[in-house]
Amino acid sequence: MNDRNPLFIILLGIICFLFVLAFLVEPPLDVLYGYYNILTHPGRLISDFSSIGGIGAVLLNVSLMGFLGLLVIQLAGVSLSGPTFAAIMTIIGFSFFGKTPVNTAPIVFGVYIAAKLAGKSFKNYLIIALFGTAFGPITSYVANISGLHPLVAILLGLLLGMIVGVLLPSLAIAMLRLHEGYNLYNVGFSCGFLGLFFASLFTAVGMDLSIQVEWNTTFSLILTAIIPIVSLLLIIAGISVDGIKKSVTGLMAIQKLSGRLPADFTDLVSPGAALLNAGLLGLAGSIYVISIGAVFNGPVIGALFTIIGFGTFGKHLKNVWPVVSGILAATLISGKSPTAPGPLLALLFGTTLAPIAGEFGIVPGIIAGFLHLVLVERTAVWHGGLVLYNNGFSGGLVATFIFAVSEWIKANIKKR
């Protein structure tokens, strides 16, 4: 049962902590007013909810989304594992900048419909449903169209969200074959691909999809402390579950895995080692953000929560650093600031390409990171910010390219 699963317990604890914190940092009425602003915002990339609604409101949104994610997993009858832990942590992360219960529920329901149409259990499509919430902005964007009656706009937004959910399973399965598991954010790749079509349709009828960045630059001790606290809790939880010796031994075993999908570290090694790995990744990411003088705002915290989540499902310190090095090199060579929104988020989210370094080595990992930054700053325009997992989209393209070239080399040049 989930209630005895250490992953479930630690997730529930984190969510409860964030919920209580929401009402400690601000008066309840201010929190609710700020939350209304979040729920009625289009939420396209990049919409920093910590700026739009305030710290209390964004923490309320994050905790409610976490609760709902756990509820969906419980209703589907699935126990928490590496993939589901990663999905919930990613949902929590992106609830800092883009996801709300209102704009994501139609997508989950759409995936449920797709499962029924295919004659399958919803649990077979659960991961797609959870990660598919990346398309949440399409619901809230359409629901905020001016010129339409508000009720009509809202109903149209909900309908489009359900349509997206119905379409996603077929695309997610097809997209996985393209990169063969070397892009951890496969559903993000699928959403980005589908987003191209919707963005083209919207643009064709005269809708404005110009990218606007809402980026909180105000220092907050509360926001700064969240990731380090969560990371330390995961480290303590990992050691508590497995004991020091077993968790450390397991951590070393994880570093030897490529991380290529599917790579459930909780199953391949142990839950304790996976939690320890996740916590260390969170601390490493926090240290980087602090070292370059960046602010812990909604998107940055969202990226770090995602890294932590995939610490149980594909990422570890050994396969992450070459990709990070490549992205940082591309940032410096191009004369960009490491603290700018694009390069900073690309470096954190670009770790989706960690399996390339894990499978092919350091140099391909660095090349993958370099190419990722070059590409990711263009792809958001392609889908008009309707898809939150822009780095997953770019990562899928880079992974497909590198995989195709490496397979051609293996099949032809090495034989000669």
Protein backbone atom coordinates (compact mmCIF):
# COMPACT_ATOMS: atom_id res chain seq x y z
CA MET A 1 0.00 0.00 0.00
CA ASN A 2 1.14 3.56 -0.73
CA ASP A 3 0.66 4.62 2.86
CA ARG A 4 3.50 2.27 3.85
CA ASN A 5 5.73 3.21 0.97
CA PRO A 6 8.68 5.41 2.06
CA LEU A 7 8.36 7.39 -1.16
CA PHE A 8 4.71 8.12 -0.39
CA ILE A 9 5.48 9.12 3.19
CA ILE A 10 8.27 11.52 2.23
CA LEU A 11 6.20 13.07 -0.56
CA LEU A 12 3.20 13.54 1.69
CA GLY A 13 5.45 15.10 4.32
CA ILE A 14 6.92 17.57 1.81
CA ILE A 15 3.48 18.53 0.52
CA CYS A 16 2.08 19.05 4.02
CA PHE A 17 5.12 21.15 4.92
CA LEU A 18 4.54 23.41 1.91
CA PHE A 19 0.81 23.69 2.67
CA VAL A 20 1.39 24.77 6.26
CA LEU A 21 4.16 27.14 5.19
CA ALA A 22 1.79 28.86 2.75
CA PHE A 23 -0.36 30.17 5.60
CA LEU A 24 2.55 30.96 7.88
CA VAL A 25 4.26 33.38 5.52
CA GLU A 26 1.15 35.46 4.69
CA PRO A 27 -2.34 36.12 6.10
CA PRO A 28 -4.99 33.67 4.78
CA LEU A 29 -6.95 36.35 2.89
CA ASP A 30 -3.80 37.53 1.11
CA VAL A 31 -2.98 33.93 0.20
CA LEU A 32 -6.45 33.33 -1.24
CA TYR A 33 -6.46 36.61 -3.16
CA GLY A 34 -3.05 35.81 -4.61
CA TYR A 35 -4.21 32.33 -5.49
CA TYR A 36 -7.13 33.76 -7.44
CA ASN A 37 -4.61 35.74 -9.49
CA ILE A 38 -2.70 32.53 -10.19
CA LEU A 39 -5.78 30.56 -11.22
CA THR A 40 -6.91 33.27 -13.63
CA HIS A 41 -3.48 33.77 -15.21
CA PRO A 42 -2.72 32.17 -18.64
CA GLY A 43 0.37 30.51 -17.18
CA ARG A 44 2.41 30.31 -20.40
CA LEU A 45 6.19 30.19 -20.34
CA ILE A 46 7.58 31.90 -18.36
CA SER A 47 5.01 32.86 -15.71
CA ASP A 48 6.56 33.04 -12.28
CA PHE A 49 3.69 32.45 -9.86
CA SER A 50 5.79 33.67 -6.93
CA SER A 51 5.60 37.10 -8.55
CA ILE A 52 2.04 36.85 -9.87
CA GLY A 53 0.36 35.59 -6.69
CA GLY A 54 2.92 35.95 -3.93
CA ILE A 55 4.83 33.39 -1.88
CA GLY A 56 1.88 32.16 0.16
CA ALA A 57 -0.32 31.71 -2.90
CA VAL A 58 2.30 29.85 -4.89
CA LEU A 59 2.96 27.49 -1.97
CA LEU A 60 -0.78 26.85 -1.72
CA ASN A 61 -0.92 26.05 -5.43
CA VAL A 62 2.10 23.77 -5.17
CA SER A 63 0.74 21.82 -2.21
CA LEU A 64 -2.72 21.41 -3.74
CA MET A 65 -1.21 20.15 -6.97
CA GLY A 66 0.92 17.71 -5.00
CA PHE A 67 -2.12 16.41 -3.11
CA LEU A 68 -4.07 15.99 -6.35
CA GLY A 69 -1.18 14.15 -7.98
CA LEU A 70 -0.99 11.71 -5.09
CA LEU A 71 -4.77 11.29 -5.24
CA VAL A 72 -4.66 10.40 -8.93
CA ILE A 73 -1.98 7.79 -8.23
CA GLN A 74 -4.04 6.34 -5.38
CA LEU A 75 -7.19 6.19 -7.50
CA ALA A 76 -5.26 4.46 -10.27
CA GLY A 77 -4.16 1.82 -7.77
CA VAL A 78 -0.45 2.33 -8.45
CA SER A 79 2.30 2.25 -5.84
CA LEU A 80 4.87 5.01 -5.82
CA SER A 81 8.12 4.14 -7.56
CA GLY A 82 10.87 6.03 -9.36
CA PRO A 83 8.69 7.21 -12.28
CA THR A 84 5.70 8.24 -10.16
CA PHE A 85 7.95 9.97 -7.60
CA ALA A 86 9.59 11.89 -10.45
CA ALA A 87 6.17 12.79 -11.85
CA ILE A 88 4.85 14.17 -8.56
CA MET A 89 8.02 16.16 -7.87
CA THR A 90 7.87 17.57 -11.40
CA ILE A 91 4.22 18.53 -10.90
CA ILE A 92 5.17 20.23 -7.63
CA GLY A 93 8.02 22.03 -9.38
CA PHE A 94 5.99 23.33 -12.30
CA SER A 95 3.20 24.45 -9.98
CA PHE A 96 5.61 27.24 -9.10
CA PHE A 97 5.27 28.50 -12.68
CA GLY A 98 2.47 27.31 -14.91
CA LYS A 99 0.41 24.44 -13.53
CA THR A 100 -2.79 24.79 -11.54
CA PRO A 101 -5.53 22.30 -10.64
CA VAL A 102 -7.86 24.07 -13.06
CA ASN A 103 -5.66 23.98 -16.15
CA THR A 104 -4.27 20.47 -15.65
CA ALA A 105 -7.38 18.47 -14.62
CA PRO A 106 -8.85 18.41 -18.17
CA ILE A 107 -5.62 16.90 -19.52
CA VAL A 108 -5.60 14.11 -16.95
CA PHE A 109 -9.26 13.43 -17.73
CA GLY A 110 -8.44 13.38 -21.45
CA VAL A 111 -5.76 10.74 -20.90
CA TYR A 112 -8.33 8.75 -18.89
CA ILE A 113 -10.68 8.92 -21.88
CA ALA A 114 -7.87 7.76 -24.17
CA ALA A 115 -7.27 4.75 -21.93
CA LYS A 116 -10.95 3.82 -22.10
CA LEU A 117 -11.02 4.25 -25.88
CA ALA A 118 -8.00 1.94 -26.13
CA GLY A 119 -9.63 -0.60 -23.82
CA LYS A 120 -6.82 -0.28 -21.28
CA SER A 121 -6.62 0.47 -17.59
CA PHE A 122 -5.85 4.07 -16.68
CA LYS A 123 -2.79 2.85 -14.78
CA ASN A 124 -1.19 1.99 -18.13
CA TYR A 125 -1.30 5.66 -19.08
CA LEU A 126 -0.81 7.12 -15.61
CA ILE A 127 2.72 8.43 -16.21
CA ILE A 128 1.60 10.10 -19.43
CA ALA A 129 -1.31 11.71 -17.60
CA LEU A 130 0.88 13.07 -14.81
CA PHE A 131 3.64 14.42 -17.04
CA GLY A 132 1.08 15.51 -19.65
CA THR A 133 0.03 18.29 -17.31
CA ALA A 134 2.86 20.16 -19.04
CA PHE A 135 0.19 21.28 -21.51
CA GLY A 136 -1.82 23.01 -18.78
CA PRO A 137 -1.28 26.52 -20.24
CA ILE A 138 -3.35 25.69 -23.32
CA THR A 139 -6.39 25.40 -21.07
CA SER A 140 -5.84 28.64 -19.17
CA TYR A 141 -4.65 30.56 -22.26
CA VAL A 142 -7.81 29.77 -24.22
CA ALA A 143 -9.96 30.35 -21.13
CA ASN A 144 -8.56 33.89 -20.99
CA ILE A 145 -9.27 34.82 -24.63
CA SER A 146 -10.71 38.29 -24.86
CA GLY A 147 -13.56 38.80 -27.29
CA LEU A 148 -15.35 35.62 -26.27
CA HIS A 149 -17.99 35.33 -23.60
CA PRO A 150 -16.09 34.25 -20.44
CA LEU A 151 -18.15 31.07 -20.07
CA VAL A 152 -17.59 30.12 -23.70
CA ALA A 153 -13.84 30.75 -23.36
CA ILE A 154 -13.63 28.63 -20.22
CA LEU A 155 -15.56 25.74 -21.77
CA LEU A 156 -13.43 25.92 -24.91
CA GLY A 157 -10.27 25.84 -22.80
CA LEU A 158 -11.46 22.81 -20.87
CA LEU A 159 -12.41 21.05 -24.11
CA LEU A 160 -9.00 21.69 -25.68
CA GLY A 161 -7.33 20.39 -22.53
CA MET A 162 -9.27 17.14 -22.82
CA ILE A 163 -8.45 16.84 -26.52
CA VAL A 164 -4.76 17.22 -25.72
CA GLY A 165 -5.07 14.48 -23.10
CA VAL A 166 -6.72 12.12 -25.58
CA LEU A 167 -3.95 12.69 -28.16
CA LEU A 168 -0.94 12.45 -25.83
CA PRO A 169 -0.65 8.65 -25.28
CA SER A 170 -0.24 7.88 -28.98
CA LEU A 171 2.37 10.59 -29.37
CA ALA A 172 4.31 9.69 -26.21
CA ILE A 173 4.69 6.10 -27.38
CA ALA A 174 5.85 7.20 -30.85
CA MET A 175 8.26 9.87 -29.55
CA LEU A 176 10.00 7.38 -27.27
CA ARG A 177 11.02 5.37 -30.33
CA LEU A 178 12.75 8.39 -31.83
CA HIS A 179 15.26 9.00 -29.05
CA GLU A 180 15.18 5.47 -27.58
CA GLY A 181 15.02 6.66 -23.97
CA TYR A 182 17.93 9.11 -24.05
CA ASN A 183 15.66 12.05 -23.23
CA LEU A 184 14.18 11.64 -19.76
CA TYR A 185 11.40 14.17 -20.41
CA ASN A 186 9.76 12.08 -23.13
CA VAL A 187 6.25 13.43 -22.51
CA GLY A 188 7.68 16.94 -22.73
CA PHE A 189 9.04 16.03 -26.16
CA SER A 190 5.58 14.76 -27.12
CA CYS A 191 3.85 17.88 -25.78
CA GLY A 192 6.26 20.13 -27.66
CA PHE A 193 5.58 18.27 -30.90
CA LEU A 194 1.83 18.57 -30.42
CA GLY A 195 2.23 22.17 -29.32
CA LEU A 196 3.64 23.04 -32.75
CA PHE A 197 0.29 22.22 -34.34
CA PHE A 198 -1.82 24.09 -31.80
CA ALA A 199 0.46 27.12 -31.90
CA SER A 200 0.27 27.17 -35.70
CA LEU A 201 -3.52 26.98 -35.59
CA PHE A 202 -3.75 29.74 -33.00
CA THR A 203 -1.39 31.97 -34.97
CA ALA A 204 -3.35 31.31 -38.17
CA VAL A 205 -6.52 32.75 -36.60
CA GLY A 206 -4.69 35.81 -35.31
CA MET A 207 -4.08 34.87 -31.67
CA ASP A 208 -1.06 36.43 -29.96
CA LEU A 209 1.53 33.87 -28.88
CA SER A 210 4.47 36.19 -28.36
CA ILE A 211 6.69 35.01 -25.52
CA GLN A 212 6.62 37.13 -22.37
CA VAL A 213 8.83 36.47 -19.37
CA GLU A 214 7.60 37.10 -15.81
CA TRP A 215 10.66 36.46 -13.66
CA ASN A 216 10.86 37.29 -9.97
CA THR A 217 14.22 38.89 -9.11
CA THR A 218 13.44 39.67 -5.46
CA PHE A 219 15.40 37.68 -2.89
CA SER A 220 13.29 35.57 -0.53
CA LEU A 221 14.79 33.62 2.34
CA ILE A 222 11.78 31.32 2.39
CA LEU A 223 12.06 30.43 -1.30
CA THR A 224 15.83 30.08 -1.01
CA ALA A 225 15.54 27.61 1.87
CA ILE A 226 12.92 25.28 0.37
CA ILE A 227 15.16 23.16 -1.89
CA PRO A 228 18.04 22.74 0.61
CA ILE A 229 15.53 21.71 3.31
CA VAL A 230 13.78 19.24 1.02
CA SER A 231 17.14 17.85 -0.14
CA LEU A 232 18.35 17.29 3.43
CA LEU A 233 15.05 15.58 4.29
CA LEU A 234 15.50 13.22 1.35
CA ILE A 235 19.07 12.42 2.38
CA ILE A 236 17.95 11.68 5.94
CA ALA A 237 15.01 9.63 4.64
CA GLY A 238 17.25 7.63 2.32
CA ILE A 239 19.68 6.77 5.10
CA SER A 240 16.80 5.95 7.46
CA VAL A 241 15.21 3.57 4.95
CA ASP A 242 18.34 1.60 4.01
CA GLY A 243 20.88 2.43 6.71
CA ILE A 244 24.12 4.27 6.06
CA LYS A 245 26.12 1.39 4.60
CA LYS A 246 23.43 0.08 2.26
CA SER A 247 22.34 3.54 1.09
CA VAL A 248 25.92 4.63 0.31
CA THR A 249 26.67 1.34 -1.43
CA GLY A 250 23.46 1.75 -3.40
CA LEU A 251 24.37 5.32 -4.28
CA MET A 252 27.65 4.10 -5.78
CA ALA A 253 25.71 1.47 -7.74
CA ILE A 254 23.39 4.13 -9.14
CA GLN A 255 26.37 6.11 -10.47
CA LYS A 256 27.23 3.11 -12.68
CA LEU A 257 23.83 3.11 -14.41
CA SER A 258 23.35 4.99 -17.69
CA GLY A 259 19.97 6.41 -16.67
CA ARG A 260 18.40 5.55 -20.02
CA LEU A 261 14.62 5.15 -19.86
CA PRO A 262 13.22 3.25 -18.13
CA ALA A 263 15.65 3.55 -15.23
CA ASP A 264 13.79 3.19 -11.96
CA PHE A 265 16.54 3.49 -9.36
CA THR A 266 14.14 2.44 -6.58
CA ASP A 267 13.74 -0.90 -8.33
CA LEU A 268 17.18 -1.34 -9.88
CA VAL A 269 18.97 -0.48 -6.62
CA SER A 270 16.81 0.51 -3.63
CA PRO A 271 14.39 3.25 -2.47
CA GLY A 272 16.84 4.49 0.16
CA ALA A 273 19.70 4.87 -2.30
CA ALA A 274 17.39 6.60 -4.79
CA LEU A 275 16.26 9.10 -2.16
CA LEU A 276 19.86 9.76 -1.15
CA ASN A 277 20.76 10.33 -4.80
CA ALA A 278 17.82 12.70 -5.23
CA GLY A 279 18.78 14.71 -2.17
CA LEU A 280 22.38 15.08 -3.28
CA LEU A 281 21.28 16.29 -6.71
CA GLY A 282 19.06 18.88 -5.03
CA LEU A 283 21.94 20.14 -2.91
CA ALA A 284 24.28 20.24 -5.92
CA GLY A 285 21.74 22.25 -7.90
CA SER A 286 21.22 24.65 -4.99
CA ILE A 287 24.96 25.19 -4.63
CA TYR A 288 25.22 26.06 -8.31
CA VAL A 289 22.36 28.57 -8.15
CA ILE A 290 23.88 30.21 -5.06
CA SER A 291 27.41 30.23 -6.53
CA ILE A 292 26.39 32.20 -9.63
CA GLY A 293 24.32 34.65 -7.58
CA ALA A 294 20.95 33.71 -9.08
CA VAL A 295 17.65 34.19 -7.24
CA PHE A 296 15.54 31.25 -6.08
CA ASN A 297 12.25 32.14 -7.74
CA GLY A 298 9.36 30.03 -9.07
CA PRO A 299 11.00 28.67 -12.26
CA VAL A 300 14.36 28.00 -10.57
CA ILE A 301 12.73 26.12 -7.69
CA GLY A 302 10.59 24.26 -10.22
CA ALA A 303 13.69 23.16 -12.10
CA LEU A 304 15.38 21.99 -8.91
CA PHE A 305 12.31 20.01 -7.81
CA THR A 306 12.33 18.33 -11.22
CA ILE A 307 16.00 17.42 -10.89
CA ILE A 308 15.29 15.98 -7.45
CA GLY A 309 12.38 13.96 -8.79
CA PHE A 310 14.41 12.41 -11.57
CA GLY A 311 17.06 11.53 -9.02
CA THR A 312 14.98 8.37 -8.62
CA PHE A 313 14.44 7.95 -12.34
CA GLY A 314 17.49 8.47 -14.53
CA LYS A 315 19.69 11.27 -13.15
CA HIS A 316 22.72 11.03 -10.92
CA LEU A 317 25.79 13.17 -10.29
CA LYS A 318 27.99 11.20 -12.69
CA ASN A 319 25.75 11.41 -15.76
CA VAL A 320 24.55 14.96 -15.10
CA TRP A 321 27.82 16.89 -14.90
CA PRO A 322 28.98 16.45 -18.54
CA VAL A 323 25.65 17.82 -19.83
CA VAL A 324 25.79 20.70 -17.36
CA SER A 325 29.37 21.43 -18.47
CA GLY A 326 28.31 21.55 -22.11
CA ILE A 327 25.46 23.95 -21.40
CA LEU A 328 27.69 26.17 -19.27
CA ALA A 329 30.35 26.19 -21.99
CA ALA A 330 27.77 27.20 -24.61
CA THR A 331 26.50 29.93 -22.27
CA LEU A 332 29.94 31.45 -21.75
CA ILE A 333 31.05 31.12 -25.39
CA SER A 334 27.89 32.85 -26.61
CA GLY A 335 28.43 35.69 -24.14
CA LYS A 336 25.22 35.05 -22.21
CA SER A 337 24.85 35.50 -18.48
CA PRO A 338 24.54 32.25 -16.46
CA THR A 339 21.91 33.97 -14.32
CA ALA A 340 19.68 34.93 -17.26
CA PRO A 341 16.39 32.97 -17.39
CA GLY A 342 17.14 31.06 -20.59
CA PRO A 343 20.65 29.77 -19.82
CA LEU A 344 19.89 29.11 -16.14
CA LEU A 345 16.78 27.05 -16.82
CA ALA A 346 18.49 25.31 -19.74
CA LEU A 347 21.32 24.22 -17.46
CA LEU A 348 19.00 22.87 -14.79
CA PHE A 349 16.34 21.29 -17.01
CA GLY A 350 18.90 20.25 -19.65
CA THR A 351 19.90 17.42 -17.36
CA THR A 352 17.12 15.56 -19.16
CA LEU A 353 19.98 14.50 -21.48
CA ALA A 354 21.92 12.81 -18.68
CA PRO A 355 21.45 9.30 -20.20
CA ILE A 356 23.55 10.34 -23.20
CA ALA A 357 26.53 10.96 -20.94
CA GLY A 358 25.70 7.81 -18.97
CA GLU A 359 25.60 5.64 -22.09
CA PHE A 360 28.05 7.21 -24.55
CA GLY A 361 30.49 8.99 -22.25
CA ILE A 362 31.67 12.42 -21.18
CA VAL A 363 32.35 13.98 -24.59
CA PRO A 364 28.96 13.11 -26.12
CA GLY A 365 27.36 14.38 -22.92
CA ILE A 366 29.16 17.72 -23.23
CA ILE A 367 28.20 17.96 -26.91
CA ALA A 368 24.58 17.19 -26.02
CA GLY A 369 24.56 19.98 -23.44
CA PHE A 370 26.14 22.45 -25.87
CA LEU A 371 23.57 21.67 -28.57
CA HIS A 372 20.75 21.85 -26.05
CA LEU A 373 21.37 25.49 -25.16
CA VAL A 374 21.71 26.40 -28.83
CA LEU A 375 18.32 24.84 -29.59
CA VAL A 376 16.24 25.41 -26.46
CA GLU A 377 16.12 29.18 -26.79
CA ARG A 378 14.34 28.77 -30.14
CA THR A 379 11.88 25.99 -29.38
CA ALA A 380 9.67 27.99 -26.97
CA VAL A 381 8.69 30.25 -29.87
CA TRP A 382 7.68 27.22 -31.93
CA HIS A 383 4.97 26.15 -29.49
CA GLY A 384 4.25 29.66 -28.25
CA GLY A 385 4.90 28.86 -24.60
CA LEU A 386 1.83 26.62 -24.49
CA VAL A 387 4.01 23.73 -23.29
CA LEU A 388 5.82 24.04 -19.97
CA TYR A 389 8.41 21.32 -20.69
CA ASN A 390 10.26 23.31 -23.33
CA ASN A 391 13.56 21.70 -22.34
CA GLY A 392 11.94 18.29 -22.75
CA PHE A 393 11.02 19.24 -26.30
CA SER A 394 14.51 20.50 -27.11
CA GLY A 395 16.06 17.56 -25.26
CA GLY A 396 14.08 15.13 -27.39
CA LEU A 397 15.35 16.74 -30.58
CA VAL A 398 18.97 16.71 -29.38
CA ALA A 399 18.74 13.13 -28.11
CA THR A 400 17.21 11.95 -31.40
CA PHE A 401 19.99 13.64 -33.35
CA ILE A 402 22.81 12.20 -31.25
CA PHE A 403 21.25 8.74 -31.11
CA ALA A 404 20.76 8.66 -34.88
CA VAL A 405 24.35 9.72 -35.58
CA SER A 406 25.80 7.27 -33.05
CA GLU A 407 23.78 4.39 -34.49
CA TRP A 408 24.93 5.27 -38.02
CA ILE A 409 28.55 5.31 -36.86
CA LYS A 410 28.13 1.94 -35.18
CA ALA A 411 26.44 0.41 -38.20
CA ASN A 412 28.80 1.74 -40.84
CA ILE A 413 32.11 3.34 -39.88
CA LYS A 414 33.04 0.98 -37.06
CA LYS A 415 32.37 -2.07 -39.28
CA ARG A 416 34.86 -0.75 -41.80
